[in-house]
């Protein structure tokens, strides 16, 4: 099933310590301005307190990738998130609501990487070009597209994880990443996983994703049960965005606090 020898080495991902300390976060922007609070958010993902981890995850979406937008700060954030996936602390829990997907922090981080990848797919670029906003004119999107092989190398090892939620999140994250021409040959390995794992998921969102992916790839999606009632779940009914955190390093280029990595 695997084709690991053709993947970039996981070691090619920048060390998260290096990303946090060497990135000039003051010069980068997220949804609320300069990304001086990004290091605090990223460090908090591995905090011992579940509430702190949960808030950090909320801010990962609400500040650094607000409404699916790729900001300047989203790029090093994605590198850091991908690099910490193997950390045992990502197997810890976060608070869940009735709208949350199941699983540990690692599953949520994989889902976040999948959301980042979704924002720079060929389909998104095609729509943007028609509207006069091609991804090529948005440097953070260009940088995100360029690092897709590295993100794929981080997510792909989890497609057969023993944790069902992690496994499904990894497969779902890999689907938009293999839009990259350098990764197209990995679709063949993903097809049975998409059909047999995502297609049999208890989550209708994953089953729908399986149908869409297989159809787009010219593969059969027969037998996969889609959502019977499309109004049963409202995707816009999400948790409110968190208020940006004040950062102790707001006047520094990098992040000098003791890191948990």
C-alpha atoms as a PDB file:
ATOM      1  CA  UNK A   1       0.000   0.000   0.000  1.00  0.00           C
ATOM      2  CA  UNK A   2       2.735   2.439   0.955  1.00  0.00           C
ATOM      3  CA  UNK A   3       5.086   4.177  -1.481  1.00  0.00           C
ATOM      4  CA  UNK A   4       7.261   5.796   1.160  1.00  0.00           C
ATOM      5  CA  UNK A   5      10.500   5.677  -0.807  1.00  0.00           C
ATOM      6  CA  UNK A   6       9.116   8.312  -3.150  1.00  0.00           C
ATOM      7  CA  UNK A   7       8.074  10.644  -0.341  1.00  0.00           C
ATOM      8  CA  UNK A   8      10.157  13.520   1.005  1.00  0.00           C
ATOM      9  CA  UNK A   9      11.838  12.501   4.235  1.00  0.00           C
ATOM     10  CA  UNK A  10       9.974  13.560   7.362  1.00  0.00           C
ATOM     11  CA  UNK A  11      13.304  14.999   8.512  1.00  0.00           C
ATOM     12  CA  UNK A  12      12.997  17.540   5.697  1.00  0.00           C
ATOM     13  CA  UNK A  13      10.311  19.325   7.708  1.00  0.00           C
ATOM     14  CA  UNK A  14      11.835  22.228   9.628  1.00  0.00           C
ATOM     15  CA  UNK A  15      12.271  21.454  13.313  1.00  0.00           C
ATOM     16  CA  UNK A  16       9.395  23.124  15.202  1.00  0.00           C
ATOM     17  CA  UNK A  17      11.851  24.830  17.533  1.00  0.00           C
ATOM     18  CA  UNK A  18      13.563  26.375  14.555  1.00  0.00           C
ATOM     19  CA  UNK A  19      10.268  27.466  13.007  1.00  0.00           C
ATOM     20  CA  UNK A  20       9.169  29.146  16.219  1.00  0.00           C
ATOM     21  CA  UNK A  21      12.436  30.878  17.076  1.00  0.00           C
ATOM     22  CA  UNK A  22      13.684  31.864  13.635  1.00  0.00           C
ATOM     23  CA  UNK A  23      10.434  33.032  12.083  1.00  0.00           C
ATOM     24  CA  UNK A  24       9.952  36.796  12.173  1.00  0.00           C
ATOM     25  CA  UNK A  25       6.336  36.567  13.304  1.00  0.00           C
ATOM     26  CA  UNK A  26       6.097  40.381  13.608  1.00  0.00           C
ATOM     27  CA  UNK A  27       6.543  40.624   9.853  1.00  0.00           C
ATOM     28  CA  UNK A  28       3.777  38.094   9.142  1.00  0.00           C
ATOM     29  CA  UNK A  29       0.030  38.590   9.379  1.00  0.00           C
ATOM     30  CA  UNK A  30      -2.950  36.453  10.333  1.00  0.00           C
ATOM     31  CA  UNK A  31      -6.648  37.301  10.573  1.00  0.00           C
ATOM     32  CA  UNK A  32      -6.150  39.964  13.240  1.00  0.00           C
ATOM     33  CA  UNK A  33      -2.891  41.623  12.229  1.00  0.00           C
ATOM     34  CA  UNK A  34       0.763  40.856  13.059  1.00  0.00           C
ATOM     35  CA  UNK A  35       1.178  37.219  14.069  1.00  0.00           C
ATOM     36  CA  UNK A  36       3.087  37.936  17.286  1.00  0.00           C
ATOM     37  CA  UNK A  37       0.805  35.556  19.197  1.00  0.00           C
ATOM     38  CA  UNK A  38       1.347  32.602  16.832  1.00  0.00           C
ATOM     39  CA  UNK A  39       4.225  31.066  18.847  1.00  0.00           C
ATOM     40  CA  UNK A  40       2.114  31.141  22.010  1.00  0.00           C
ATOM     41  CA  UNK A  41      -0.726  29.397  20.216  1.00  0.00           C
ATOM     42  CA  UNK A  42       1.557  26.734  18.761  1.00  0.00           C
ATOM     43  CA  UNK A  43       3.318  26.041  22.049  1.00  0.00           C
ATOM     44  CA  UNK A  44      -0.052  25.726  23.794  1.00  0.00           C
ATOM     45  CA  UNK A  45      -1.065  22.869  21.474  1.00  0.00           C
ATOM     46  CA  UNK A  46       1.191  20.630  23.574  1.00  0.00           C
ATOM     47  CA  UNK A  47       0.225  22.046  26.965  1.00  0.00           C
ATOM     48  CA  UNK A  48      -0.525  19.639  29.815  1.00  0.00           C
ATOM     49  CA  UNK A  49      -3.873  21.345  30.438  1.00  0.00           C
ATOM     50  CA  UNK A  50      -6.693  20.120  28.196  1.00  0.00           C
ATOM     51  CA  UNK A  51      -8.453  23.477  28.285  1.00  0.00           C
ATOM     52  CA  UNK A  52      -5.310  25.244  27.105  1.00  0.00           C
ATOM     53  CA  UNK A  53      -4.874  22.742  24.275  1.00  0.00           C
ATOM     54  CA  UNK A  54      -8.498  23.203  23.257  1.00  0.00           C
ATOM     55  CA  UNK A  55      -8.200  26.979  23.142  1.00  0.00           C
ATOM     56  CA  UNK A  56      -5.013  26.701  21.116  1.00  0.00           C
ATOM     57  CA  UNK A  57      -6.763  24.456  18.604  1.00  0.00           C
ATOM     58  CA  UNK A  58      -9.641  26.946  18.374  1.00  0.00           C
ATOM     59  CA  UNK A  59      -7.130  29.726  17.698  1.00  0.00           C
ATOM     60  CA  UNK A  60      -5.377  27.624  15.092  1.00  0.00           C
ATOM     61  CA  UNK A  61      -8.603  27.791  13.109  1.00  0.00           C
ATOM     62  CA  UNK A  62      -9.985  31.146  14.205  1.00  0.00           C
ATOM     63  CA  UNK A  63      -6.821  33.235  14.019  1.00  0.00           C
ATOM     64  CA  UNK A  64      -4.200  31.524  11.863  1.00  0.00           C
ATOM     65  CA  UNK A  65      -6.575  30.001   9.285  1.00  0.00           C
ATOM     66  CA  UNK A  66      -9.732  32.045   9.786  1.00  0.00           C
ATOM     67  CA  UNK A  67     -12.614  30.885   7.566  1.00  0.00           C
ATOM     68  CA  UNK A  68     -10.238  28.796   5.485  1.00  0.00           C
ATOM     69  CA  UNK A  69      -8.009  31.729   4.526  1.00  0.00           C
ATOM     70  CA  UNK A  70      -4.297  31.267   3.894  1.00  0.00           C
ATOM     71  CA  UNK A  71      -2.411  34.087   5.606  1.00  0.00           C
ATOM     72  CA  UNK A  72       1.312  34.767   5.665  1.00  0.00           C
ATOM     73  CA  UNK A  73       1.495  33.208   9.125  1.00  0.00           C
ATOM     74  CA  UNK A  74      -0.410  30.114   7.994  1.00  0.00           C
ATOM     75  CA  UNK A  75       2.653  28.849   6.117  1.00  0.00           C
ATOM     76  CA  UNK A  76       5.128  28.486   9.019  1.00  0.00           C
ATOM     77  CA  UNK A  77       2.210  27.425  11.228  1.00  0.00           C
ATOM     78  CA  UNK A  78       1.468  24.516   8.901  1.00  0.00           C
ATOM     79  CA  UNK A  79       5.150  23.543   8.930  1.00  0.00           C
ATOM     80  CA  UNK A  80       5.136  23.518  12.712  1.00  0.00           C
ATOM     81  CA  UNK A  81       1.860  21.580  12.983  1.00  0.00           C
ATOM     82  CA  UNK A  82       3.125  18.950  10.539  1.00  0.00           C
ATOM     83  CA  UNK A  83       6.393  18.644  12.450  1.00  0.00           C
ATOM     84  CA  UNK A  84       4.757  18.032  15.843  1.00  0.00           C
ATOM     85  CA  UNK A  85       2.391  15.280  14.661  1.00  0.00           C
ATOM     86  CA  UNK A  86       4.695  12.476  15.927  1.00  0.00           C
ATOM     87  CA  UNK A  87       4.937  14.057  19.385  1.00  0.00           C
ATOM     88  CA  UNK A  88       3.215  11.692  21.860  1.00  0.00           C
ATOM     89  CA  UNK A  89       1.362  14.640  23.386  1.00  0.00           C
ATOM     90  CA  UNK A  90      -0.700  15.042  20.222  1.00  0.00           C
ATOM     91  CA  UNK A  91      -2.421  11.806  21.276  1.00  0.00           C
ATOM     92  CA  UNK A  92      -3.959  13.693  24.199  1.00  0.00           C
ATOM     93  CA  UNK A  93      -7.583  14.805  24.161  1.00  0.00           C
ATOM     94  CA  UNK A  94      -9.206  18.168  23.573  1.00  0.00           C
ATOM     95  CA  UNK A  95     -12.654  19.318  24.642  1.00  0.00           C
ATOM     96  CA  UNK A  96     -15.422  18.306  22.254  1.00  0.00           C
ATOM     97  CA  UNK A  97     -18.842  19.720  21.422  1.00  0.00           C
ATOM     98  CA  UNK A  98     -21.708  18.075  19.579  1.00  0.00           C
ATOM     99  CA  UNK A  99     -20.302  19.661  16.405  1.00  0.00           C
ATOM    100  CA  UNK A 100     -16.761  18.335  16.875  1.00  0.00           C
ATOM    101  CA  UNK A 101     -15.216  15.468  14.984  1.00  0.00           C
ATOM    102  CA  UNK A 102     -14.116  12.628  17.266  1.00  0.00           C
ATOM    103  CA  UNK A 103     -10.517  11.872  18.093  1.00  0.00           C
ATOM    104  CA  UNK A 104      -7.437  13.155  19.858  1.00  0.00           C
ATOM    105  CA  UNK A 105      -5.442  16.298  19.139  1.00  0.00           C
ATOM    106  CA  UNK A 106      -3.493  14.491  16.404  1.00  0.00           C
ATOM    107  CA  UNK A 107      -6.717  13.848  14.462  1.00  0.00           C
ATOM    108  CA  UNK A 108      -7.663  17.510  14.815  1.00  0.00           C
ATOM    109  CA  UNK A 109      -4.247  18.675  13.653  1.00  0.00           C
ATOM    110  CA  UNK A 110      -4.455  16.416  10.609  1.00  0.00           C
ATOM    111  CA  UNK A 111      -7.898  17.838   9.869  1.00  0.00           C
ATOM    112  CA  UNK A 112      -6.458  21.349  10.131  1.00  0.00           C
ATOM    113  CA  UNK A 113      -3.690  20.489   7.665  1.00  0.00           C
ATOM    114  CA  UNK A 114      -6.360  19.094   5.363  1.00  0.00           C
ATOM    115  CA  UNK A 115      -8.249  22.377   5.599  1.00  0.00           C
ATOM    116  CA  UNK A 116      -5.095  24.297   4.678  1.00  0.00           C
ATOM    117  CA  UNK A 117      -4.577  21.986   1.699  1.00  0.00           C
ATOM    118  CA  UNK A 118      -8.218  22.427   0.672  1.00  0.00           C
ATOM    119  CA  UNK A 119      -7.633  26.165   0.309  1.00  0.00           C
ATOM    120  CA  UNK A 120      -5.041  25.729  -2.458  1.00  0.00           C
ATOM    121  CA  UNK A 121      -6.440  22.905  -4.587  1.00  0.00           C
ATOM    122  CA  UNK A 122      -6.607  23.020  -8.354  1.00  0.00           C
ATOM    123  CA  UNK A 123     -10.383  23.477  -8.110  1.00  0.00           C
ATOM    124  CA  UNK A 124      -9.957  26.548  -5.897  1.00  0.00           C
ATOM    125  CA  UNK A 125      -7.360  27.936  -8.294  1.00  0.00           C
ATOM    126  CA  UNK A 126      -9.664  27.354 -11.254  1.00  0.00           C
ATOM    127  CA  UNK A 127     -12.453  29.336  -9.602  1.00  0.00           C
ATOM    128  CA  UNK A 128     -10.012  32.048  -8.569  1.00  0.00           C
ATOM    129  CA  UNK A 129      -8.701  32.402 -12.095  1.00  0.00           C
ATOM    130  CA  UNK A 130     -12.233  32.801 -13.440  1.00  0.00           C
ATOM    131  CA  UNK A 131     -12.887  35.542 -10.900  1.00  0.00           C
ATOM    132  CA  UNK A 132      -9.564  37.261 -11.524  1.00  0.00           C
ATOM    133  CA  UNK A 133      -7.900  36.108  -8.289  1.00  0.00           C
ATOM    134  CA  UNK A 134      -5.514  33.287  -9.220  1.00  0.00           C
ATOM    135  CA  UNK A 135      -3.608  31.644  -6.394  1.00  0.00           C
ATOM    136  CA  UNK A 136      -0.393  32.563  -8.180  1.00  0.00           C
ATOM    137  CA  UNK A 137      -1.037  36.198  -7.206  1.00  0.00           C
ATOM    138  CA  UNK A 138      -1.187  35.331  -3.486  1.00  0.00           C
ATOM    139  CA  UNK A 139       2.309  34.532  -2.142  1.00  0.00           C
ATOM    140  CA  UNK A 140       1.101  32.617   0.958  1.00  0.00           C
ATOM    141  CA  UNK A 141      -0.975  30.353  -1.298  1.00  0.00           C
ATOM    142  CA  UNK A 142       2.021  29.835  -3.581  1.00  0.00           C
ATOM    143  CA  UNK A 143       4.183  28.903  -0.585  1.00  0.00           C
ATOM    144  CA  UNK A 144       1.516  26.514   0.710  1.00  0.00           C
ATOM    145  CA  UNK A 145       1.239  24.791  -2.649  1.00  0.00           C
ATOM    146  CA  UNK A 146       5.019  24.462  -2.805  1.00  0.00           C
ATOM    147  CA  UNK A 147       5.226  22.650   0.530  1.00  0.00           C
ATOM    148  CA  UNK A 148       2.469  20.115  -0.201  1.00  0.00           C
ATOM    149  CA  UNK A 149       4.925  17.210  -0.605  1.00  0.00           C
ATOM    150  CA  UNK A 150       6.279  17.904   2.876  1.00  0.00           C
ATOM    151  CA  UNK A 151       2.776  18.086   4.351  1.00  0.00           C
ATOM    152  CA  UNK A 152       1.898  14.847   2.584  1.00  0.00           C
ATOM    153  CA  UNK A 153       4.976  13.148   4.006  1.00  0.00           C
ATOM    154  CA  UNK A 154       3.822  14.197   7.482  1.00  0.00           C
ATOM    155  CA  UNK A 155       0.218  13.046   7.065  1.00  0.00           C
ATOM    156  CA  UNK A 156       0.646   9.852   5.049  1.00  0.00           C
ATOM    157  CA  UNK A 157       2.258   7.754   7.833  1.00  0.00           C
ATOM    158  CA  UNK A 158      -1.070   7.943   9.705  1.00  0.00           C
ATOM    159  CA  UNK A 159      -3.331   6.552   6.962  1.00  0.00           C
ATOM    160  CA  UNK A 160      -3.204   3.123   8.608  1.00  0.00           C
ATOM    161  CA  UNK A 161      -3.015   4.323  12.211  1.00  0.00           C
ATOM    162  CA  UNK A 162      -4.628   2.097  14.827  1.00  0.00           C
ATOM    163  CA  UNK A 163      -6.779   5.033  15.970  1.00  0.00           C
ATOM    164  CA  UNK A 164      -9.754   5.169  13.605  1.00  0.00           C
ATOM    165  CA  UNK A 165     -10.241   8.937  13.988  1.00  0.00           C
ATOM    166  CA  UNK A 166      -6.571   9.610  13.231  1.00  0.00           C
ATOM    167  CA  UNK A 167      -6.654   7.226  10.265  1.00  0.00           C
ATOM    168  CA  UNK A 168      -9.694   8.897   8.739  1.00  0.00           C
ATOM    169  CA  UNK A 169      -8.319  12.403   9.339  1.00  0.00           C
ATOM    170  CA  UNK A 170      -5.020  11.467   7.690  1.00  0.00           C
ATOM    171  CA  UNK A 171      -6.683  10.022   4.598  1.00  0.00           C
ATOM    172  CA  UNK A 172      -8.958  13.043   4.317  1.00  0.00           C
ATOM    173  CA  UNK A 173      -5.958  15.374   4.614  1.00  0.00           C
ATOM    174  CA  UNK A 174      -4.055  13.528   1.900  1.00  0.00           C
ATOM    175  CA  UNK A 175      -6.867  13.883  -0.658  1.00  0.00           C
ATOM    176  CA  UNK A 176      -6.352  17.602  -1.449  1.00  0.00           C
ATOM    177  CA  UNK A 177      -2.570  17.303  -1.131  1.00  0.00           C
ATOM    178  CA  UNK A 178      -2.309  14.865  -4.041  1.00  0.00           C
ATOM    179  CA  UNK A 179      -3.538  17.577  -6.382  1.00  0.00           C
ATOM    180  CA  UNK A 180       0.150  18.444  -6.542  1.00  0.00           C
ATOM    181  CA  UNK A 181       1.682  17.099  -9.750  1.00  0.00           C
ATOM    182  CA  UNK A 182       4.600  15.753  -7.701  1.00  0.00           C
ATOM    183  CA  UNK A 183       2.173  13.622  -5.693  1.00  0.00           C
ATOM    184  CA  UNK A 184      -0.273  12.436  -8.346  1.00  0.00           C
ATOM    185  CA  UNK A 185       1.246   8.952  -8.402  1.00  0.00           C
ATOM    186  CA  UNK A 186       0.184   8.458  -4.763  1.00  0.00           C
ATOM    187  CA  UNK A 187      -3.494   8.535  -5.684  1.00  0.00           C
ATOM    188  CA  UNK A 188      -3.375   4.845  -6.571  1.00  0.00           C
ATOM    189  CA  UNK A 189      -2.406   4.001  -2.990  1.00  0.00           C
ATOM    190  CA  UNK A 190      -5.097   6.294  -1.609  1.00  0.00           C
ATOM    191  CA  UNK A 191      -8.003   4.968  -3.683  1.00  0.00           C
ATOM    192  CA  UNK A 192      -8.638   1.788  -1.632  1.00  0.00           C
ATOM    193  CA  UNK A 193      -8.199   3.745   1.601  1.00  0.00           C
ATOM    194  CA  UNK A 194     -10.645   6.404   0.491  1.00  0.00           C
ATOM    195  CA  UNK A 195     -13.169   3.776  -0.555  1.00  0.00           C
ATOM    196  CA  UNK A 196     -12.788   1.290   2.303  1.00  0.00           C
ATOM    197  CA  UNK A 197     -12.013   3.603   5.233  1.00  0.00           C
ATOM    198  CA  UNK A 198     -13.538   7.011   4.494  1.00  0.00           C
ATOM    199  CA  UNK A 199     -16.344   5.414   2.492  1.00  0.00           C
ATOM    200  CA  UNK A 200     -17.302   3.318   5.508  1.00  0.00           C
ATOM    201  CA  UNK A 201     -16.911   6.108   8.069  1.00  0.00           C
ATOM    202  CA  UNK A 202     -19.615   6.817  10.629  1.00  0.00           C
ATOM    203  CA  UNK A 203     -19.199  10.484   9.698  1.00  0.00           C
ATOM    204  CA  UNK A 204     -21.234  11.527   6.682  1.00  0.00           C
ATOM    205  CA  UNK A 205     -18.695  14.290   5.990  1.00  0.00           C
ATOM    206  CA  UNK A 206     -15.998  11.686   5.413  1.00  0.00           C
ATOM    207  CA  UNK A 207     -18.282   9.544   3.273  1.00  0.00           C
ATOM    208  CA  UNK A 208     -19.156  12.566   1.148  1.00  0.00           C
ATOM    209  CA  UNK A 209     -15.475  13.398   0.844  1.00  0.00           C
ATOM    210  CA  UNK A 210     -14.789   9.857  -0.311  1.00  0.00           C
ATOM    211  CA  UNK A 211     -17.500  10.109  -2.968  1.00  0.00           C
ATOM    212  CA  UNK A 212     -16.238  13.472  -4.214  1.00  0.00           C
ATOM    213  CA  UNK A 213     -12.605  12.318  -4.347  1.00  0.00           C
ATOM    214  CA  UNK A 214     -13.311   9.047  -6.130  1.00  0.00           C
ATOM    215  CA  UNK A 215     -15.584  10.744  -8.647  1.00  0.00           C
ATOM    216  CA  UNK A 216     -12.973  13.451  -9.318  1.00  0.00           C
ATOM    217  CA  UNK A 217     -10.292  10.802  -9.817  1.00  0.00           C
ATOM    218  CA  UNK A 218     -12.414   8.799 -12.250  1.00  0.00           C
ATOM    219  CA  UNK A 219     -12.888   5.969  -9.760  1.00  0.00           C
ATOM    220  CA  UNK A 220     -16.138   4.256  -8.793  1.00  0.00           C
ATOM    221  CA  UNK A 221     -17.884   5.502  -5.653  1.00  0.00           C
ATOM    222  CA  UNK A 222     -20.668   2.927  -5.968  1.00  0.00           C
ATOM    223  CA  UNK A 223     -21.870   1.541  -2.673  1.00  0.00           C
ATOM    224  CA  UNK A 224     -20.834   4.507  -0.531  1.00  0.00           C
ATOM    225  CA  UNK A 225     -23.782   5.985   1.316  1.00  0.00           C
ATOM    226  CA  UNK A 226     -23.900   9.756   1.130  1.00  0.00           C
ATOM    227  CA  UNK A 227     -25.719  12.137   3.435  1.00  0.00           C
ATOM    228  CA  UNK A 228     -29.452  11.482   3.285  1.00  0.00           C
ATOM    229  CA  UNK A 229     -30.486  14.796   4.825  1.00  0.00           C
ATOM    230  CA  UNK A 230     -28.150  17.625   3.778  1.00  0.00           C
ATOM    231  CA  UNK A 231     -29.813  19.992   6.289  1.00  0.00           C
ATOM    232  CA  UNK A 232     -29.237  17.735   9.290  1.00  0.00           C
ATOM    233  CA  UNK A 233     -25.904  19.386   9.960  1.00  0.00           C
ATOM    234  CA  UNK A 234     -25.098  23.041   9.411  1.00  0.00           C
ATOM    235  CA  UNK A 235     -21.428  23.601   8.591  1.00  0.00           C
ATOM    236  CA  UNK A 236     -21.726  27.280   9.445  1.00  0.00           C
ATOM    237  CA  UNK A 237     -22.724  26.514  13.026  1.00  0.00           C
ATOM    238  CA  UNK A 238     -19.187  26.601  14.339  1.00  0.00           C
ATOM    239  CA  UNK A 239     -17.667  27.723  17.607  1.00  0.00           C
ATOM    240  CA  UNK A 240     -17.132  31.500  17.719  1.00  0.00           C
ATOM    241  CA  UNK A 241     -13.640  32.643  16.921  1.00  0.00           C
ATOM    242  CA  UNK A 242     -11.426  33.222  19.901  1.00  0.00           C
ATOM    243  CA  UNK A 243     -10.046  36.621  20.702  1.00  0.00           C
ATOM    244  CA  UNK A 244      -6.355  36.892  19.731  1.00  0.00           C
ATOM    245  CA  UNK A 245      -3.997  36.269  22.626  1.00  0.00           C
ATOM    246  CA  UNK A 246      -1.564  38.872  23.839  1.00  0.00           C
ATOM    247  CA  UNK A 247       1.934  37.628  23.248  1.00  0.00           C
ATOM    248  CA  UNK A 248       4.812  38.102  25.621  1.00  0.00           C
ATOM    249  CA  UNK A 249       7.040  38.252  22.561  1.00  0.00           C
ATOM    250  CA  UNK A 250       5.119  40.982  20.794  1.00  0.00           C
ATOM    251  CA  UNK A 251       8.227  43.091  20.342  1.00  0.00           C
ATOM    252  CA  UNK A 252      10.547  40.255  19.328  1.00  0.00           C
ATOM    253  CA  UNK A 253      11.266  38.835  15.928  1.00  0.00           C
ATOM    254  CA  UNK A 254      11.250  35.230  17.084  1.00  0.00           C
ATOM    255  CA  UNK A 255      10.186  33.286  20.146  1.00  0.00           C
ATOM    256  CA  UNK A 256      12.649  32.915  22.995  1.00  0.00           C
ATOM    257  CA  UNK A 257      10.583  31.157  25.681  1.00  0.00           C
ATOM    258  CA  UNK A 258      11.337  27.584  26.723  1.00  0.00           C
ATOM    259  CA  UNK A 259       9.675  25.328  24.159  1.00  0.00           C
ATOM    260  CA  UNK A 260       7.871  22.059  24.864  1.00  0.00           C
ATOM    261  CA  UNK A 261       9.156  20.214  21.810  1.00  0.00           C
END
